[in-house]
Amino acid sequence: MSESTMRQHMNDRFGKVFHYTENPPLPRSLNIELNSSCNQSCIFCPFHGKYAINPPKPSVMDFETVKRILDSAKNLGGVWEKKR
């Protein structure tokens, strides 16, 4: 199904509730997972629980990667304020 056909289908089905845009607005917040370690063993957790199939190795994101993510977000027009 082509993109325009899909857009028409969604508009027909959902009407004015569904608004397609190529450039949606930026989110109001940015969450960065700085590390993948967890000291809990929640049985339902797909990452660290008892039945996790491929649990991630604990790691910590380096400062340069965090800085690059934040700089990219700022360059995209994100507005970030320090919480006091």
C-alpha atoms as a PDB file:
ATOM      1  CA  MET A   1       0.000   0.000   0.000  1.00  0.00           C
ATOM      2  CA  SER A   2       1.453   3.347  -0.960  1.00  0.00           C
ATOM      3  CA  GLU A   3       1.915   6.124   1.586  1.00  0.00           C
ATOM      4  CA  SER A   4      -0.829   8.277   0.047  1.00  0.00           C
ATOM      5  CA  THR A   5      -3.246   5.318  -0.038  1.00  0.00           C
ATOM      6  CA  MET A   6      -2.502   4.576   3.625  1.00  0.00           C
ATOM      7  CA  ARG A   7      -3.009   8.248   4.525  1.00  0.00           C
ATOM      8  CA  GLN A   8      -6.362   8.293   2.701  1.00  0.00           C
ATOM      9  CA  HIS A   9      -7.407   5.058   4.426  1.00  0.00           C
ATOM     10  CA  MET A  10      -6.553   6.486   7.867  1.00  0.00           C
ATOM     11  CA  ASN A  11      -8.396   9.728   7.107  1.00  0.00           C
ATOM     12  CA  ASP A  12     -11.460   7.814   5.891  1.00  0.00           C
ATOM     13  CA  ARG A  13     -11.415   5.558   8.925  1.00  0.00           C
ATOM     14  CA  PHE A  14     -10.595   8.033  11.678  1.00  0.00           C
ATOM     15  CA  GLY A  15     -11.576  11.351  10.117  1.00  0.00           C
ATOM     16  CA  LYS A  16     -10.366  14.469  11.856  1.00  0.00           C
ATOM     17  CA  VAL A  17      -9.076  12.538  14.864  1.00  0.00           C
ATOM     18  CA  PHE A  18      -6.111  11.306  12.850  1.00  0.00           C
ATOM     19  CA  HIS A  19      -3.720  13.998  11.613  1.00  0.00           C
ATOM     20  CA  TYR A  20      -0.857  12.850   9.422  1.00  0.00           C
ATOM     21  CA  THR A  21       2.199  15.051   9.351  1.00  0.00           C
ATOM     22  CA  GLU A  22       5.689  14.530   8.015  1.00  0.00           C
ATOM     23  CA  ASN A  23       7.203  16.678  10.760  1.00  0.00           C
ATOM     24  CA  PRO A  24       5.429  16.036  14.052  1.00  0.00           C
ATOM     25  CA  PRO A  25       6.185  18.413  16.923  1.00  0.00           C
ATOM     26  CA  LEU A  26       9.157  17.602  19.118  1.00  0.00           C
ATOM     27  CA  PRO A  27       8.432  15.890  22.425  1.00  0.00           C
ATOM     28  CA  ARG A  28       8.383  18.070  25.521  1.00  0.00           C
ATOM     29  CA  SER A  29      10.805  15.850  27.397  1.00  0.00           C
ATOM     30  CA  LEU A  30      13.797  13.641  26.728  1.00  0.00           C
ATOM     31  CA  ASN A  31      14.528  10.517  28.739  1.00  0.00           C
ATOM     32  CA  ILE A  32      17.991   9.013  28.486  1.00  0.00           C
ATOM     33  CA  GLU A  33      18.804   5.664  30.075  1.00  0.00           C
ATOM     34  CA  LEU A  34      22.323   6.268  31.369  1.00  0.00           C
ATOM     35  CA  ASN A  35      22.879   2.704  32.497  1.00  0.00           C
ATOM     36  CA  SER A  36      21.325  -0.669  31.884  1.00  0.00           C
ATOM     37  CA  SER A  37      21.879  -2.136  35.315  1.00  0.00           C
ATOM     38  CA  CYS A  38      19.077  -2.923  37.707  1.00  0.00           C
ATOM     39  CA  ASN A  39      19.251  -4.351  41.197  1.00  0.00           C
ATOM     40  CA  GLN A  40      15.670  -5.594  41.179  1.00  0.00           C
ATOM     41  CA  SER A  41      14.504  -8.971  39.939  1.00  0.00           C
ATOM     42  CA  CYS A  42      10.907  -8.337  38.949  1.00  0.00           C
ATOM     43  CA  ILE A  43       9.572 -11.625  37.590  1.00  0.00           C
ATOM     44  CA  PHE A  44       7.608  -9.832  34.836  1.00  0.00           C
ATOM     45  CA  CYS A  45      10.570  -7.765  33.579  1.00  0.00           C
ATOM     46  CA  PRO A  46      11.503  -8.743  30.001  1.00  0.00           C
ATOM     47  CA  PHE A  47      15.074  -7.515  30.528  1.00  0.00           C
ATOM     48  CA  HIS A  48      16.136  -8.675  33.992  1.00  0.00           C
ATOM     49  CA  GLY A  49      13.387 -11.021  35.161  1.00  0.00           C
ATOM     50  CA  LYS A  50      13.475 -14.759  35.676  1.00  0.00           C
ATOM     51  CA  TYR A  51      12.280 -15.461  32.131  1.00  0.00           C
ATOM     52  CA  ALA A  52      14.433 -12.939  30.266  1.00  0.00           C
ATOM     53  CA  ILE A  53      15.617 -14.572  27.054  1.00  0.00           C
ATOM     54  CA  ASN A  54      18.542 -12.330  26.192  1.00  0.00           C
ATOM     55  CA  PRO A  55      19.246  -9.990  29.142  1.00  0.00           C
ATOM     56  CA  PRO A  56      21.482  -7.004  28.376  1.00  0.00           C
ATOM     57  CA  LYS A  57      24.926  -6.815  29.898  1.00  0.00           C
ATOM     58  CA  PRO A  58      25.156  -4.043  32.503  1.00  0.00           C
ATOM     59  CA  SER A  59      26.726  -0.961  30.933  1.00  0.00           C
ATOM     60  CA  VAL A  60      27.022   2.780  31.495  1.00  0.00           C
ATOM     61  CA  MET A  61      26.722   5.380  28.743  1.00  0.00           C
ATOM     62  CA  ASP A  62      29.868   7.458  28.382  1.00  0.00           C
ATOM     63  CA  PHE A  63      29.799  11.236  28.804  1.00  0.00           C
ATOM     64  CA  GLU A  64      30.590  11.986  25.139  1.00  0.00           C
ATOM     65  CA  THR A  65      27.546   9.988  23.975  1.00  0.00           C
ATOM     66  CA  VAL A  66      25.257  11.808  26.423  1.00  0.00           C
ATOM     67  CA  LYS A  67      26.680  15.156  25.308  1.00  0.00           C
ATOM     68  CA  ARG A  68      26.155  14.244  21.623  1.00  0.00           C
ATOM     69  CA  ILE A  69      22.508  13.265  22.290  1.00  0.00           C
ATOM     70  CA  LEU A  70      21.812  16.500  24.165  1.00  0.00           C
ATOM     71  CA  ASP A  71      23.550  18.633  21.538  1.00  0.00           C
ATOM     72  CA  SER A  72      21.529  16.933  18.784  1.00  0.00           C
ATOM     73  CA  ALA A  73      18.285  17.537  20.683  1.00  0.00           C
ATOM     74  CA  LYS A  74      19.201  21.188  21.176  1.00  0.00           C
ATOM     75  CA  ASN A  75      20.062  21.585  17.479  1.00  0.00           C
ATOM     76  CA  LEU A  76      16.670  20.129  16.534  1.00  0.00           C
ATOM     77  CA  GLY A  77      15.009  22.923  18.460  1.00  0.00           C
ATOM     78  CA  GLY A  78      14.410  21.296  21.823  1.00  0.00           C
ATOM     79  CA  VAL A  79      13.949  23.655  24.730  1.00  0.00           C
ATOM     80  CA  TRP A  80      15.607  22.339  27.859  1.00  0.00           C
ATOM     81  CA  GLU A  81      15.553  24.065  31.220  1.00  0.00           C
ATOM     82  CA  LYS A  82      17.312  23.183  34.434  1.00  0.00           C
ATOM     83  CA  LYS A  83      14.937  22.020  37.118  1.00  0.00           C
ATOM     84  CA  ARG A  84      15.555  23.786  40.385  1.00  0.00           C
END
